[in-house]
Amino acid sequence: MFKVVLNRDNLEKAMLRHNLSRKLLAKKIGLSPSYLCRILAGKQAPTAAVRQQLLDYFKGSSFDDLFTIQENGAGNDD
């Protein structure tokens, strides 16, 4: 199995370029601040819809800029 995780460093750089706080970004893309915080902390993987919302908002960023695909192997506690 594979999972898509947020590239937190690149997203935070994009947020800085757009002068956005987490709370403001959440509002602009229609998420709750707590949900965005869980995604940024790596506690929850972004859904396909959330990934698309982020890509639509940060038009200058590619999928590979904002996300990483990880193999989700058995026994992996990450």
PDB file of N, CA and C in Angstrom:
ATOM      1  N   MET A   1       0.837  -1.195   0.000  1.00  0.00           N
ATOM      2  CA  MET A   1       0.000   0.000   0.000  1.00  0.00           C
ATOM      3  C   MET A   1       0.879   1.254   0.000  1.00  0.00           C
ATOM      4  N   PHE A   2       0.335   2.286  -0.569  1.00  0.00           N
ATOM      5  CA  PHE A   2       1.025   3.564  -0.604  1.00  0.00           C
ATOM      6  C   PHE A   2       0.134   4.621   0.019  1.00  0.00           C
ATOM      7  N   LYS A   3       0.783   5.639   0.556  1.00  0.00           N
ATOM      8  CA  LYS A   3       0.008   6.773   1.064  1.00  0.00           C
ATOM      9  C   LYS A   3       0.698   8.060   0.631  1.00  0.00           C
ATOM     10  N   VAL A   4      -0.108   9.075   0.481  1.00  0.00           N
ATOM     11  CA  VAL A   4       0.395  10.389   0.089  1.00  0.00           C
ATOM     12  C   VAL A   4       0.471  11.237   1.344  1.00  0.00           C
ATOM     13  N   VAL A   5       1.659  11.782   1.609  1.00  0.00           N
ATOM     14  CA  VAL A   5       1.840  12.647   2.768  1.00  0.00           C
ATOM     15  C   VAL A   5       2.276  14.029   2.308  1.00  0.00           C
ATOM     16  N   LEU A   6       1.960  14.973   3.111  1.00  0.00           N
ATOM     17  CA  LEU A   6       2.298  16.354   2.824  1.00  0.00           C
ATOM     18  C   LEU A   6       3.785  16.601   3.018  1.00  0.00           C
ATOM     19  N   ASN A   7       4.388  17.347   2.117  1.00  0.00           N
ATOM     20  CA  ASN A   7       5.763  17.797   2.303  1.00  0.00           C
ATOM     21  C   ASN A   7       5.665  19.091   3.103  1.00  0.00           C
ATOM     22  N   ARG A   8       5.726  18.947   4.406  1.00  0.00           N
ATOM     23  CA  ARG A   8       5.467  20.061   5.324  1.00  0.00           C
ATOM     24  C   ARG A   8       6.391  21.259   5.070  1.00  0.00           C
ATOM     25  N   ASP A   9       7.679  20.994   4.877  1.00  0.00           N
ATOM     26  CA  ASP A   9       8.619  22.101   4.665  1.00  0.00           C
ATOM     27  C   ASP A   9       8.248  22.923   3.435  1.00  0.00           C
ATOM     28  N   ASN A  10       7.936  22.244   2.335  1.00  0.00           N
ATOM     29  CA  ASN A  10       7.595  22.976   1.110  1.00  0.00           C
ATOM     30  C   ASN A  10       6.273  23.717   1.240  1.00  0.00           C
ATOM     31  N   LEU A  11       5.305  23.111   1.929  1.00  0.00           N
ATOM     32  CA  LEU A  11       4.037  23.815   2.116  1.00  0.00           C
ATOM     33  C   LEU A  11       4.243  25.056   2.977  1.00  0.00           C
ATOM     34  N   GLU A  12       5.039  24.937   4.033  1.00  0.00           N
ATOM     35  CA  GLU A  12       5.273  26.091   4.894  1.00  0.00           C
ATOM     36  C   GLU A  12       6.017  27.199   4.139  1.00  0.00           C
ATOM     37  N   LYS A  13       6.917  26.831   3.236  1.00  0.00           N
ATOM     38  CA  LYS A  13       7.588  27.839   2.401  1.00  0.00           C
ATOM     39  C   LYS A  13       6.586  28.528   1.485  1.00  0.00           C
ATOM     40  N   ALA A  14       5.687  27.754   0.904  1.00  0.00           N
ATOM     41  CA  ALA A  14       4.651  28.333   0.043  1.00  0.00           C
ATOM     42  C   ALA A  14       3.741  29.258   0.851  1.00  0.00           C
ATOM     43  N   MET A  15       3.429  28.860   2.083  1.00  0.00           N
ATOM     44  CA  MET A  15       2.601  29.707   2.939  1.00  0.00           C
ATOM     45  C   MET A  15       3.312  31.023   3.246  1.00  0.00           C
ATOM     46  N   LEU A  16       4.615  30.957   3.487  1.00  0.00           N
ATOM     47  CA  LEU A  16       5.388  32.181   3.746  1.00  0.00           C
ATOM     48  C   LEU A  16       5.381  33.099   2.525  1.00  0.00           C
ATOM     49  N   ARG A  17       5.556  32.509   1.336  1.00  0.00           N
ATOM     50  CA  ARG A  17       5.548  33.316   0.111  1.00  0.00           C
ATOM     51  C   ARG A  17       4.208  34.028  -0.084  1.00  0.00           C
ATOM     52  N   HIS A  18       3.126  33.398   0.364  1.00  0.00           N
ATOM     53  CA  HIS A  18       1.790  33.983   0.231  1.00  0.00           C
ATOM     54  C   HIS A  18       1.355  34.725   1.499  1.00  0.00           C
ATOM     55  N   ASN A  19       2.258  34.821   2.480  1.00  0.00           N
ATOM     56  CA  ASN A  19       1.972  35.512   3.737  1.00  0.00           C
ATOM     57  C   ASN A  19       0.714  34.949   4.419  1.00  0.00           C
ATOM     58  N   LEU A  20       0.685  33.622   4.559  1.00  0.00           N
ATOM     59  CA  LEU A  20      -0.474  32.946   5.135  1.00  0.00           C
ATOM     60  C   LEU A  20      -0.130  32.270   6.456  1.00  0.00           C
ATOM     61  N   SER A  21      -1.013  32.414   7.417  1.00  0.00           N
ATOM     62  CA  SER A  21      -0.933  31.616   8.635  1.00  0.00           C
ATOM     63  C   SER A  21      -1.664  30.301   8.362  1.00  0.00           C
ATOM     64  N   ARG A  22      -1.510  29.339   9.248  1.00  0.00           N
ATOM     65  CA  ARG A  22      -2.246  28.076   9.094  1.00  0.00           C
ATOM     66  C   ARG A  22      -3.745  28.323   9.115  1.00  0.00           C
ATOM     67  N   LYS A  23      -4.166  29.178  10.032  1.00  0.00           N
ATOM     68  CA  LYS A  23      -5.593  29.460  10.181  1.00  0.00           C
ATOM     69  C   LYS A  23      -6.151  30.113   8.910  1.00  0.00           C
ATOM     70  N   LEU A  24      -5.421  31.053   8.338  1.00  0.00           N
ATOM     71  CA  LEU A  24      -5.888  31.728   7.134  1.00  0.00           C
ATOM     72  C   LEU A  24      -5.893  30.780   5.941  1.00  0.00           C
ATOM     73  N   LEU A  25      -4.875  29.946   5.809  1.00  0.00           N
ATOM     74  CA  LEU A  25      -4.861  28.975   4.719  1.00  0.00           C
ATOM     75  C   LEU A  25      -6.046  28.031   4.839  1.00  0.00           C
ATOM     76  N   ALA A  26      -6.299  27.542   6.037  1.00  0.00           N
ATOM     77  CA  ALA A  26      -7.440  26.642   6.248  1.00  0.00           C
ATOM     78  C   ALA A  26      -8.733  27.309   5.797  1.00  0.00           C
ATOM     79  N   LYS A  27      -8.904  28.564   6.161  1.00  0.00           N
ATOM     80  CA  LYS A  27     -10.114  29.294   5.783  1.00  0.00           C
ATOM     81  C   LYS A  27     -10.206  29.447   4.263  1.00  0.00           C
ATOM     82  N   LYS A  28      -9.101  29.788   3.621  1.00  0.00           N
ATOM     83  CA  LYS A  28      -9.111  30.037   2.179  1.00  0.00           C
ATOM     84  C   LYS A  28      -9.397  28.782   1.366  1.00  0.00           C
ATOM     85  N   ILE A  29      -8.993  27.614   1.872  1.00  0.00           N
ATOM     86  CA  ILE A  29      -9.245  26.396   1.096  1.00  0.00           C
ATOM     87  C   ILE A  29     -10.412  25.575   1.658  1.00  0.00           C
ATOM     88  N   GLY A  30     -11.091  26.115   2.655  1.00  0.00           N
ATOM     89  CA  GLY A  30     -12.316  25.489   3.153  1.00  0.00           C
ATOM     90  C   GLY A  30     -12.117  24.323   4.107  1.00  0.00           C
ATOM     91  N   LEU A  31     -11.049  24.369   4.899  1.00  0.00           N
ATOM     92  CA  LEU A  31     -10.799  23.338   5.896  1.00  0.00           C
ATOM     93  C   LEU A  31     -10.899  23.927   7.291  1.00  0.00           C
ATOM     94  N   SER A  32     -11.099  23.069   8.267  1.00  0.00           N
ATOM     95  CA  SER A  32     -11.026  23.558   9.638  1.00  0.00           C
ATOM     96  C   SER A  32      -9.544  23.684   9.996  1.00  0.00           C
ATOM     97  N   PRO A  33      -9.201  24.657  10.818  1.00  0.00           N
ATOM     98  CA  PRO A  33      -7.802  24.796  11.237  1.00  0.00           C
ATOM     99  C   PRO A  33      -7.261  23.541  11.921  1.00  0.00           C
ATOM    100  N   SER A  34      -8.098  22.849  12.692  1.00  0.00           N
ATOM    101  CA  SER A  34      -7.623  21.648  13.389  1.00  0.00           C
ATOM    102  C   SER A  34      -7.311  20.523  12.397  1.00  0.00           C
ATOM    103  N   TYR A  35      -8.109  20.398  11.340  1.00  0.00           N
ATOM    104  CA  TYR A  35      -7.856  19.366  10.320  1.00  0.00           C
ATOM    105  C   TYR A  35      -6.541  19.669   9.597  1.00  0.00           C
ATOM    106  N   LEU A  36      -6.341  20.929   9.221  1.00  0.00           N
ATOM    107  CA  LEU A  36      -5.089  21.306   8.561  1.00  0.00           C
ATOM    108  C   LEU A  36      -3.907  21.050   9.488  1.00  0.00           C
ATOM    109  N   CYS A  37      -4.049  21.330  10.763  1.00  0.00           N
ATOM    110  CA  CYS A  37      -2.984  21.103  11.738  1.00  0.00           C
ATOM    111  C   CYS A  37      -2.635  19.617  11.816  1.00  0.00           C
ATOM    112  N   ARG A  38      -3.635  18.744  11.808  1.00  0.00           N
ATOM    113  CA  ARG A  38      -3.382  17.297  11.843  1.00  0.00           C
ATOM    114  C   ARG A  38      -2.641  16.844  10.589  1.00  0.00           C
ATOM    115  N   ILE A  39      -2.979  17.427   9.449  1.00  0.00           N
ATOM    116  CA  ILE A  39      -2.284  17.086   8.207  1.00  0.00           C
ATOM    117  C   ILE A  39      -0.834  17.549   8.277  1.00  0.00           C
ATOM    118  N   LEU A  40      -0.626  18.775   8.733  1.00  0.00           N
ATOM    119  CA  LEU A  40       0.735  19.317   8.829  1.00  0.00           C
ATOM    120  C   LEU A  40       1.583  18.536   9.826  1.00  0.00           C
ATOM    121  N   ALA A  41       0.964  18.028  10.869  1.00  0.00           N
ATOM    122  CA  ALA A  41       1.688  17.261  11.883  1.00  0.00           C
ATOM    123  C   ALA A  41       1.950  15.823  11.435  1.00  0.00           C
ATOM    124  N   GLY A  42       1.370  15.426  10.310  1.00  0.00           N
ATOM    125  CA  GLY A  42       1.555  14.068   9.822  1.00  0.00           C
ATOM    126  C   GLY A  42       0.671  13.051  10.514  1.00  0.00           C
ATOM    127  N   LYS A  43      -0.304  13.524  11.276  1.00  0.00           N
ATOM    128  CA  LYS A  43      -1.206  12.619  11.986  1.00  0.00           C
ATOM    129  C   LYS A  43      -2.334  12.126  11.099  1.00  0.00           C
ATOM    130  N   GLN A  44      -2.558  12.825  10.007  1.00  0.00           N
ATOM    131  CA  GLN A  44      -3.614  12.446   9.078  1.00  0.00           C
ATOM    132  C   GLN A  44      -3.130  12.731   7.666  1.00  0.00           C
ATOM    133  N   ALA A  45      -3.383  11.792   6.759  1.00  0.00           N
ATOM    134  CA  ALA A  45      -3.005  11.991   5.362  1.00  0.00           C
ATOM    135  C   ALA A  45      -4.077  12.853   4.686  1.00  0.00           C
ATOM    136  N   PRO A  46      -3.666  13.769   3.818  1.00  0.00           N
ATOM    137  CA  PRO A  46      -4.653  14.595   3.125  1.00  0.00           C
ATOM    138  C   PRO A  46      -5.450  13.765   2.117  1.00  0.00           C
ATOM    139  N   THR A  47      -6.743  13.987   2.069  1.00  0.00           N
ATOM    140  CA  THR A  47      -7.576  13.292   1.086  1.00  0.00           C
ATOM    141  C   THR A  47      -7.251  13.821  -0.304  1.00  0.00           C
ATOM    142  N   ALA A  48      -7.729  13.119  -1.317  1.00  0.00           N
ATOM    143  CA  ALA A  48      -7.516  13.568  -2.694  1.00  0.00           C
ATOM    144  C   ALA A  48      -8.109  14.958  -2.902  1.00  0.00           C
ATOM    145  N   ALA A  49      -9.262  15.214  -2.299  1.00  0.00           N
ATOM    146  CA  ALA A  49      -9.901  16.530  -2.445  1.00  0.00           C
ATOM    147  C   ALA A  49      -9.052  17.630  -1.808  1.00  0.00           C
ATOM    148  N   VAL A  50      -8.483  17.356  -0.649  1.00  0.00           N
ATOM    149  CA  VAL A  50      -7.642  18.346   0.039  1.00  0.00           C
ATOM    150  C   VAL A  50      -6.362  18.580  -0.761  1.00  0.00           C
ATOM    151  N   ARG A  51      -5.793  17.499  -1.280  1.00  0.00           N
ATOM    152  CA  ARG A  51      -4.590  17.662  -2.113  1.00  0.00           C
ATOM    153  C   ARG A  51      -4.890  18.573  -3.299  1.00  0.00           C
ATOM    154  N   GLN A  52      -6.040  18.366  -3.930  1.00  0.00           N
ATOM    155  CA  GLN A  52      -6.402  19.201  -5.078  1.00  0.00           C
ATOM    156  C   GLN A  52      -6.644  20.646  -4.658  1.00  0.00           C
ATOM    157  N   GLN A  53      -7.255  20.853  -3.511  1.00  0.00           N
ATOM    158  CA  GLN A  53      -7.482  22.220  -3.021  1.00  0.00           C
ATOM    159  C   GLN A  53      -6.155  22.941  -2.809  1.00  0.00           C
ATOM    160  N   LEU A  54      -5.183  22.251  -2.247  1.00  0.00           N
ATOM    161  CA  LEU A  54      -3.871  22.864  -2.026  1.00  0.00           C
ATOM    162  C   LEU A  54      -3.174  23.158  -3.353  1.00  0.00           C
ATOM    163  N   LEU A  55      -3.254  22.228  -4.286  1.00  0.00           N
ATOM    164  CA  LEU A  55      -2.642  22.451  -5.598  1.00  0.00           C
ATOM    165  C   LEU A  55      -3.316  23.599  -6.337  1.00  0.00           C
ATOM    166  N   ASP A  56      -4.634  23.699  -6.223  1.00  0.00           N
ATOM    167  CA  ASP A  56      -5.360  24.804  -6.864  1.00  0.00           C
ATOM    168  C   ASP A  56      -4.975  26.141  -6.243  1.00  0.00           C
ATOM    169  N   TYR A  57      -4.804  26.163  -4.922  1.00  0.00           N
ATOM    170  CA  TYR A  57      -4.463  27.416  -4.257  1.00  0.00           C
ATOM    171  C   TYR A  57      -3.027  27.833  -4.557  1.00  0.00           C
ATOM    172  N   PHE A  58      -2.109  26.877  -4.473  1.00  0.00           N
ATOM    173  CA  PHE A  58      -0.696  27.168  -4.738  1.00  0.00           C
ATOM    174  C   PHE A  58      -0.373  26.768  -6.178  1.00  0.00           C
ATOM    175  N   LYS A  59      -0.897  27.537  -7.123  1.00  0.00           N
ATOM    176  CA  LYS A  59      -0.804  27.199  -8.540  1.00  0.00           C
ATOM    177  C   LYS A  59       0.627  27.035  -9.044  1.00  0.00           C
ATOM    178  N   GLY A  60       1.585  27.689  -8.434  1.00  0.00           N
ATOM    179  CA  GLY A  60       2.969  27.578  -8.877  1.00  0.00           C
ATOM    180  C   GLY A  60       3.675  26.323  -8.380  1.00  0.00           C
ATOM    181  N   SER A  61       2.987  25.529  -7.560  1.00  0.00           N
ATOM    182  CA  SER A  61       3.591  24.328  -6.981  1.00  0.00           C
ATOM    183  C   SER A  61       3.044  23.083  -7.672  1.00  0.00           C
ATOM    184  N   SER A  62       3.925  22.126  -7.894  1.00  0.00           N
ATOM    185  CA  SER A  62       3.503  20.855  -8.487  1.00  0.00           C
ATOM    186  C   SER A  62       3.138  19.865  -7.375  1.00  0.00           C
ATOM    187  N   PHE A  63       2.563  18.746  -7.780  1.00  0.00           N
ATOM    188  CA  PHE A  63       2.243  17.685  -6.827  1.00  0.00           C
ATOM    189  C   PHE A  63       3.500  17.278  -6.066  1.00  0.00           C
ATOM    190  N   ASP A  64       4.597  17.093  -6.804  1.00  0.00           N
ATOM    191  CA  ASP A  64       5.850  16.662  -6.175  1.00  0.00           C
ATOM    192  C   ASP A  64       6.449  17.718  -5.248  1.00  0.00           C
ATOM    193  N   ASP A  65       6.090  18.978  -5.439  1.00  0.00           N
ATOM    194  CA  ASP A  65       6.546  20.031  -4.534  1.00  0.00           C
ATOM    195  C   ASP A  65       5.866  19.908  -3.170  1.00  0.00           C
ATOM    196  N   LEU A  66       4.576  19.589  -3.191  1.00  0.00           N
ATOM    197  CA  LEU A  66       3.786  19.622  -1.959  1.00  0.00           C
ATOM    198  C   LEU A  66       3.588  18.275  -1.290  1.00  0.00           C
ATOM    199  N   PHE A  67       3.776  17.180  -2.029  1.00  0.00           N
ATOM    200  CA  PHE A  67       3.449  15.861  -1.482  1.00  0.00           C
ATOM    201  C   PHE A  67       4.538  14.842  -1.774  1.00  0.00           C
ATOM    202  N   THR A  68       4.558  13.798  -0.956  1.00  0.00           N
ATOM    203  CA  THR A  68       5.469  12.677  -1.126  1.00  0.00           C
ATOM    204  C   THR A  68       4.639  11.405  -1.048  1.00  0.00           C
ATOM    205  N   ILE A  69       4.980  10.436  -1.871  1.00  0.00           N
ATOM    206  CA  ILE A  69       4.311   9.143  -1.825  1.00  0.00           C
ATOM    207  C   ILE A  69       5.204   8.196  -1.045  1.00  0.00           C
ATOM    208  N   GLN A  70       4.626   7.589   0.006  1.00  0.00           N
ATOM    209  CA  GLN A  70       5.365   6.664   0.860  1.00  0.00           C
ATOM    210  C   GLN A  70       4.744   5.282   0.783  1.00  0.00           C
ATOM    211  N   GLU A  71       5.614   4.289   0.855  1.00  0.00           N
ATOM    212  CA  GLU A  71       5.114   2.926   0.946  1.00  0.00           C
ATOM    213  C   GLU A  71       4.700   2.670   2.397  1.00  0.00           C
ATOM    214  N   ASN A  72       3.526   2.151   2.570  1.00  0.00           N
ATOM    215  CA  ASN A  72       2.974   1.905   3.904  1.00  0.00           C
ATOM    216  C   ASN A  72       3.073   0.416   4.190  1.00  0.00           C
ATOM    217  N   GLY A  73       4.260  -0.040   4.579  1.00  0.00           N
ATOM    218  CA  GLY A  73       4.496  -1.471   4.794  1.00  0.00           C
ATOM    219  C   GLY A  73       3.995  -1.966   6.133  1.00  0.00           C
ATOM    220  N   ALA A  74       3.835  -3.255   6.232  1.00  0.00           N
ATOM    221  CA  ALA A  74       3.404  -3.870   7.484  1.00  0.00           C
ATOM    222  C   ALA A  74       4.476  -3.695   8.551  1.00  0.00           C
ATOM    223  N   GLY A  75       4.039  -3.417   9.766  1.00  0.00           N
ATOM    224  CA  GLY A  75       4.974  -3.253  10.878  1.00  0.00           C
ATOM    225  C   GLY A  75       5.638  -1.902  10.920  1.00  0.00           C
ATOM    226  N   ASN A  76       5.250  -0.980  10.043  1.00  0.00           N
ATOM    227  CA  ASN A  76       5.831   0.361  10.020  1.00  0.00           C
ATOM    228  C   ASN A  76       5.030   1.253  10.948  1.00  0.00           C
ATOM    229  N   ASP A  77       5.639   1.749  11.992  1.00  0.00           N
ATOM    230  CA  ASP A  77       4.941   2.564  12.992  1.00  0.00           C
ATOM    231  C   ASP A  77       4.939   4.049  12.673  1.00  0.00           C
ATOM    232  N   ASP A  78       5.383   4.444  11.497  1.00  0.00           N
ATOM    233  CA  ASP A  78       5.428   5.866  11.137  1.00  0.00           C
ATOM    234  C   ASP A  78       4.071   6.387  11.098  1.00  0.00           C
TER     235      ASP A  78
END
